[in-house]
Amino acid sequence: DFTPAGTSATITNAFRMILDNNTVLDGIAMWTEGSAARPHGSLMYKCPTGDVTGEELAACTVWEGVVYSADEKGAVGLLPAEGVDAPKSLIFPDLGPSLEMSAAYGPAGFSKVPWDIFVLKGCQE
């Protein structure tokens, strides 16, 4: 699931990554500022809710990085802004190795490490 975040001032997208064994990772994308702005993504696993400290958030974050997109011709770009057509693929660099080293991997979590590229299969809307 990958959806616009709506009215949030900083979070531009919220998403869920559903892996095997019903392991769910919650994700967000926030654009950095400046002339070299990038969509910075984070995936979290079993984060506490409510008023969370930076230390607690860091402990439950299983991946962080720039979210890239690719079109049907293979041209790579950044995650498109809200209101733009969805890209054909999303790229989460180094996702697999990061998840394999996370608390979400193993007997109590998922067992199949995903690849870094996800292809659009359909829209929710």
Foldseek 3Di string as FASTA:
>chain_A
DKAAPPPDPFWGIWDWDAAPPRFIWIKTWGWDDDPPIFTKMWTFGPQDDDDDDPVSRVQGTQAIDGKWAAAPVGDIGGQDGPPDDGHQKIFRPPQQVSNCPHPQDDDVHHDDRDHRMDGDPDDPD
